[in-house]
Amino acid sequence: MQIRNFITVLVAALSLASCNSNGQGVKNLNTDEFEKGVQTKGVQIVDVRTPGEFAEKHIAGATNIDVNSADFEKQMSKLDKTKPTYVYCLSGGRSSQASNWAAKNGFTEVYNLNGGIMAWGNANKPVETGAAGRKQQGMSFDDYLAKIKKSDKLILVDFNAVWCGPCKMLKPIVHKVQKDNDKVLELFEVDVDKNPDVAKTMNINAIPLLVMYKDGKEVWRNMGLTDEATITEYVKKFSAGMGGGTH
């Protein structure tokens, strides 16, 4: 019992470090506040995603400085630390990291976009797109619906991204649960970067996100990290009466 309680507390703590975390010394803004701020003269906008993500779509006027690149600190240091600095990423995790660095290194005004460009897009805010953005839309939402409706098993959808640390931690857990319950559970992994139309329609503002479907209808979802026992509990709950049962 003590071990189980410890694991639960650990998972909860790790969830705080998910891809939608916030920090001190930075003002976190919603999409309306962020839009008003970036339209003000004399500000600088920083997109801390990868160059590929930036090429797909970005907020007008933004400078791309990948927070995970080797020269991130060098490139950030070239900016004017006295100017209001507006930072965003996909869902808020990387921009939180970058914003906290900026606040600790002399930037006087730092603003982080809660929910990142996913929230921005869900709020129908304008973006600029390049050739990559027009060509790489991934599956349509109709394709997604067809996928979750075609199976007679439960379907567990894992929304993730390759850069997301918590997503990487969750991946082996969901794979094990699927393997242990393969007669009643199918796993469907969706990279939100590669499938922006699905992410927008599903109103996904943070990852990792698990969504479970039965007969094409959503029956459970979980934002952030969770453990094997919790996922298995819901698999057993919603697979009751289905052919095969759980292992």
Protein backbone atom coordinates (compact mmCIF):
# COMPACT_ATOMS: atom_id res chain seq x y z
CA MET A 1 0.00 0.00 0.00
CA GLN A 2 2.81 2.39 0.87
CA ILE A 3 4.58 1.63 -2.40
CA ARG A 4 1.37 2.26 -4.36
CA ASN A 5 0.83 5.56 -2.55
CA PHE A 6 4.42 6.56 -3.28
CA ILE A 7 3.97 5.81 -6.97
CA THR A 8 0.76 7.84 -7.05
CA VAL A 9 2.48 10.83 -5.46
CA LEU A 10 5.43 10.47 -7.85
CA VAL A 11 3.18 10.41 -10.90
CA ALA A 12 1.32 13.47 -9.65
CA ALA A 13 4.61 15.29 -9.17
CA LEU A 14 5.83 14.36 -12.62
CA SER A 15 2.56 15.58 -14.11
CA LEU A 16 3.42 19.03 -12.85
CA ALA A 17 6.39 18.88 -15.20
CA SER A 18 4.17 18.06 -18.17
CA CYS A 19 4.04 19.91 -21.45
CA ASN A 20 1.73 22.57 -20.11
CA SER A 21 3.66 23.72 -17.04
CA ASN A 22 4.14 27.27 -15.82
CA GLY A 23 6.89 28.93 -13.80
CA GLN A 24 7.64 31.91 -11.62
CA GLY A 25 8.91 35.26 -12.89
CA VAL A 26 6.86 34.99 -16.07
CA LYS A 27 3.38 36.31 -16.81
CA ASN A 28 1.21 33.65 -18.44
CA LEU A 29 -1.36 34.98 -20.91
CA ASN A 30 -4.41 33.51 -22.59
CA THR A 31 -4.78 33.83 -26.34
CA ASP A 32 -6.67 37.13 -26.26
CA GLU A 33 -4.13 38.72 -23.93
CA PHE A 34 -1.22 37.40 -25.96
CA GLU A 35 -2.74 38.66 -29.21
CA LYS A 36 -3.22 42.13 -27.76
CA GLY A 37 0.36 42.14 -26.52
CA VAL A 38 2.03 41.04 -29.76
CA GLN A 39 0.13 43.71 -31.68
CA THR A 40 1.82 46.40 -29.57
CA LYS A 41 4.77 48.25 -31.11
CA GLY A 42 8.25 47.57 -29.82
CA VAL A 43 7.75 43.96 -28.69
CA GLN A 44 9.61 40.82 -29.74
CA ILE A 45 7.94 37.47 -30.35
CA VAL A 46 9.89 34.24 -29.94
CA ASP A 47 8.76 30.86 -31.27
CA VAL A 48 10.83 28.25 -29.43
CA ARG A 49 9.71 25.23 -31.47
CA THR A 50 11.80 23.42 -34.06
CA PRO A 51 12.48 25.03 -37.47
CA GLY A 52 10.19 22.45 -39.06
CA GLU A 53 7.31 23.35 -36.77
CA PHE A 54 7.95 27.04 -37.37
CA ALA A 55 7.93 26.55 -41.14
CA GLU A 56 4.57 24.80 -40.93
CA LYS A 57 2.86 27.70 -39.20
CA HIS A 58 3.76 30.51 -36.82
CA ILE A 59 2.54 33.79 -35.42
CA ALA A 60 3.35 36.74 -37.68
CA GLY A 61 6.51 38.59 -36.72
CA ALA A 62 7.93 35.76 -34.64
CA THR A 63 11.61 34.85 -34.52
CA ASN A 64 12.38 31.13 -34.38
CA ILE A 65 14.85 30.13 -31.64
CA ASP A 66 14.60 26.42 -30.85
CA VAL A 67 14.77 25.99 -27.07
CA ASN A 68 16.35 22.56 -27.53
CA SER A 69 19.08 23.73 -29.92
CA ALA A 70 22.71 23.95 -28.80
CA ASP A 71 22.86 27.70 -29.43
CA PHE A 72 19.55 28.63 -27.78
CA GLU A 73 21.14 30.77 -25.07
CA LYS A 74 23.46 32.46 -27.56
CA GLN A 75 20.58 33.35 -29.89
CA MET A 76 18.38 34.56 -27.05
CA SER A 77 21.19 36.76 -25.76
CA LYS A 78 21.14 38.64 -29.07
CA LEU A 79 17.63 39.91 -28.34
CA ASP A 80 16.92 43.22 -26.59
CA LYS A 81 16.35 42.32 -22.94
CA THR A 82 14.57 45.62 -22.29
CA LYS A 83 11.79 44.94 -24.78
CA PRO A 84 8.63 43.02 -23.84
CA THR A 85 9.26 39.44 -24.96
CA TYR A 86 6.36 37.16 -25.94
CA VAL A 87 7.21 33.46 -26.05
CA TYR A 88 5.22 30.49 -27.35
CA CYS A 89 5.61 26.87 -28.46
CA LEU A 90 3.11 24.15 -29.36
CA SER A 91 1.28 23.70 -26.06
CA GLY A 92 3.15 25.75 -23.44
CA GLY A 93 5.83 23.45 -22.05
CA ARG A 94 8.88 24.48 -24.07
CA SER A 95 7.88 28.14 -23.96
CA SER A 96 7.59 27.92 -20.18
CA GLN A 97 11.14 26.58 -20.04
CA ALA A 98 12.41 29.31 -22.37
CA SER A 99 10.47 32.06 -20.58
CA ASN A 100 11.86 31.04 -17.22
CA TRP A 101 15.38 31.15 -18.65
CA ALA A 102 14.77 34.61 -20.07
CA ALA A 103 13.36 35.94 -16.78
CA LYS A 104 16.39 34.61 -14.90
CA ASN A 105 18.82 36.10 -17.40
CA GLY A 106 17.89 39.76 -17.44
CA PHE A 107 14.81 40.02 -19.65
CA THR A 108 12.63 42.62 -17.94
CA GLU A 109 9.22 41.63 -19.34
CA VAL A 110 8.49 38.03 -20.32
CA TYR A 111 5.10 36.69 -21.38
CA ASN A 112 4.26 33.04 -22.03
CA LEU A 113 1.31 31.88 -24.15
CA ASN A 114 -0.78 29.39 -22.18
CA GLY A 115 -1.67 26.44 -24.39
CA GLY A 116 0.78 27.51 -27.08
CA ILE A 117 -0.05 27.73 -30.75
CA MET A 118 -2.55 24.87 -30.35
CA ALA A 119 -4.68 27.10 -28.12
CA TRP A 120 -4.00 30.00 -30.51
CA GLY A 121 -5.31 28.00 -33.44
CA ASN A 122 -8.29 26.68 -31.49
CA ALA A 123 -9.22 30.30 -30.78
CA ASN A 124 -9.04 31.01 -34.54
CA LYS A 125 -6.17 33.45 -34.17
CA PRO A 126 -4.21 34.23 -37.36
CA VAL A 127 -1.03 32.39 -38.34
CA GLU A 128 1.40 32.50 -41.21
CA THR A 129 2.04 29.24 -43.05
CA GLY A 130 4.82 28.12 -45.36
CA ALA A 131 4.98 25.45 -48.03
CA ALA A 132 5.43 22.81 -45.34
CA GLY A 133 2.29 23.94 -43.60
CA ARG A 134 0.23 23.58 -46.77
CA LYS A 135 1.57 20.14 -47.58
CA GLN A 136 1.87 18.44 -44.22
CA GLN A 137 -1.59 18.45 -42.71
CA GLY A 138 -1.64 14.78 -41.73
CA MET A 139 -4.95 12.99 -41.40
CA SER A 140 -8.24 14.82 -41.56
CA PHE A 141 -10.70 14.69 -38.67
CA ASP A 142 -12.91 12.46 -40.80
CA ASP A 143 -9.99 10.04 -41.11
CA TYR A 144 -9.63 10.13 -37.34
CA LEU A 145 -13.31 9.40 -36.76
CA ALA A 146 -13.19 6.52 -39.23
CA LYS A 147 -10.24 5.05 -37.36
CA ILE A 148 -11.90 5.10 -33.94
CA LYS A 149 -15.19 3.74 -35.26
CA LYS A 150 -13.90 0.83 -37.31
CA SER A 151 -12.85 -1.47 -34.46
CA ASP A 152 -15.01 -3.67 -32.24
CA LYS A 153 -12.42 -3.23 -29.48
CA LEU A 154 -11.83 -0.36 -27.11
CA ILE A 155 -9.54 2.19 -28.72
CA LEU A 156 -7.01 4.12 -26.65
CA VAL A 157 -5.72 7.20 -28.47
CA ASP A 158 -2.37 8.54 -27.31
CA PHE A 159 -1.90 12.17 -28.39
CA ASN A 160 1.81 12.99 -28.24
CA ALA A 161 4.79 14.70 -29.88
CA VAL A 162 8.38 13.59 -30.34
CA TRP A 163 9.78 16.49 -28.30
CA CYS A 164 7.47 15.95 -25.30
CA GLY A 165 9.28 14.41 -22.32
CA PRO A 166 6.17 13.22 -20.45
CA CYS A 167 4.90 11.67 -23.70
CA LYS A 168 8.07 9.58 -23.90
CA MET A 169 7.59 8.46 -20.30
CA LEU A 170 3.98 7.47 -20.97
CA LYS A 171 4.64 5.59 -24.21
CA PRO A 172 5.99 2.31 -22.74
CA ILE A 173 3.15 2.31 -20.20
CA VAL A 174 0.38 2.47 -22.81
CA HIS A 175 2.17 -0.07 -24.98
CA LYS A 176 2.33 -2.51 -22.08
CA VAL A 177 -1.34 -2.01 -21.24
CA GLN A 178 -2.30 -2.64 -24.86
CA LYS A 179 -0.16 -5.75 -25.05
CA ASP A 180 -1.61 -7.11 -21.81
CA ASN A 181 -5.15 -6.45 -23.03
CA ASP A 182 -4.77 -7.02 -26.76
CA LYS A 183 -8.03 -8.96 -27.10
CA VAL A 184 -10.11 -5.95 -26.10
CA LEU A 185 -7.85 -2.92 -26.61
CA GLU A 186 -6.36 -1.25 -29.66
CA LEU A 187 -3.77 1.54 -29.39
CA PHE A 188 -3.84 4.50 -31.77
CA GLU A 189 -0.98 7.01 -31.53
CA VAL A 190 -1.43 10.53 -32.90
CA ASP A 191 1.46 12.99 -33.22
CA VAL A 192 -0.14 16.42 -32.80
CA ASP A 193 2.62 18.11 -34.80
CA LYS A 194 1.97 15.89 -37.81
CA ASN A 195 -1.83 16.03 -37.45
CA PRO A 196 -2.71 19.66 -36.66
CA ASP A 197 -6.25 19.43 -38.05
CA VAL A 198 -7.13 16.65 -35.62
CA ALA A 199 -5.47 18.46 -32.70
CA LYS A 200 -7.38 21.65 -33.46
CA THR A 201 -10.75 19.94 -33.88
CA MET A 202 -10.21 17.98 -30.66
CA ASN A 203 -9.32 21.27 -28.92
CA ILE A 204 -6.09 19.80 -27.57
CA ASN A 205 -4.17 22.40 -25.60
CA ALA A 206 -1.68 20.17 -23.78
CA ILE A 207 -0.07 16.75 -24.08
CA PRO A 208 0.25 13.90 -23.32
CA LEU A 209 -3.45 13.20 -23.62
CA LEU A 210 -5.11 9.78 -23.54
CA VAL A 211 -8.64 9.34 -24.88
CA MET A 212 -10.49 6.01 -24.73
CA TYR A 213 -13.36 5.14 -27.07
CA LYS A 214 -15.95 2.39 -27.01
CA ASP A 215 -18.16 1.87 -30.06
CA GLY A 216 -16.88 5.16 -31.44
CA LYS A 217 -17.86 7.17 -28.34
CA GLU A 218 -15.47 8.74 -25.87
CA VAL A 219 -15.68 7.07 -22.46
CA TRP A 220 -12.52 8.32 -20.69
CA ARG A 221 -9.71 10.82 -21.04
CA ASN A 222 -6.64 11.75 -19.03
CA MET A 223 -4.37 14.77 -19.40
CA GLY A 224 -0.74 14.37 -18.35
CA LEU A 225 1.07 11.38 -16.94
CA THR A 226 -0.77 8.46 -15.41
CA ASP A 227 0.19 4.95 -14.33
CA GLU A 228 -0.41 1.46 -15.69
CA ALA A 229 -2.86 0.53 -12.94
CA THR A 230 -5.13 3.49 -13.66
CA ILE A 231 -5.30 2.84 -17.40
CA THR A 232 -5.88 -0.87 -16.82
CA GLU A 233 -8.69 -0.07 -14.39
CA TYR A 234 -10.59 1.81 -17.11
CA VAL A 235 -9.85 -0.85 -19.72
CA LYS A 236 -11.46 -3.45 -17.45
CA LYS A 237 -14.36 -1.15 -16.64
CA PHE A 238 -15.30 -0.42 -20.24
CA SER A 239 -14.44 -3.82 -21.70
CA ALA A 240 -16.84 -5.63 -19.38
CA GLY A 241 -19.06 -7.85 -21.50
CA MET A 242 -16.86 -7.58 -24.56
CA GLY A 243 -15.58 -10.74 -26.18
CA GLY A 244 -12.24 -12.00 -24.92
CA GLY A 245 -12.06 -10.09 -21.64
CA THR A 246 -8.78 -8.82 -20.23
CA HIS A 247 -5.75 -10.91 -19.43
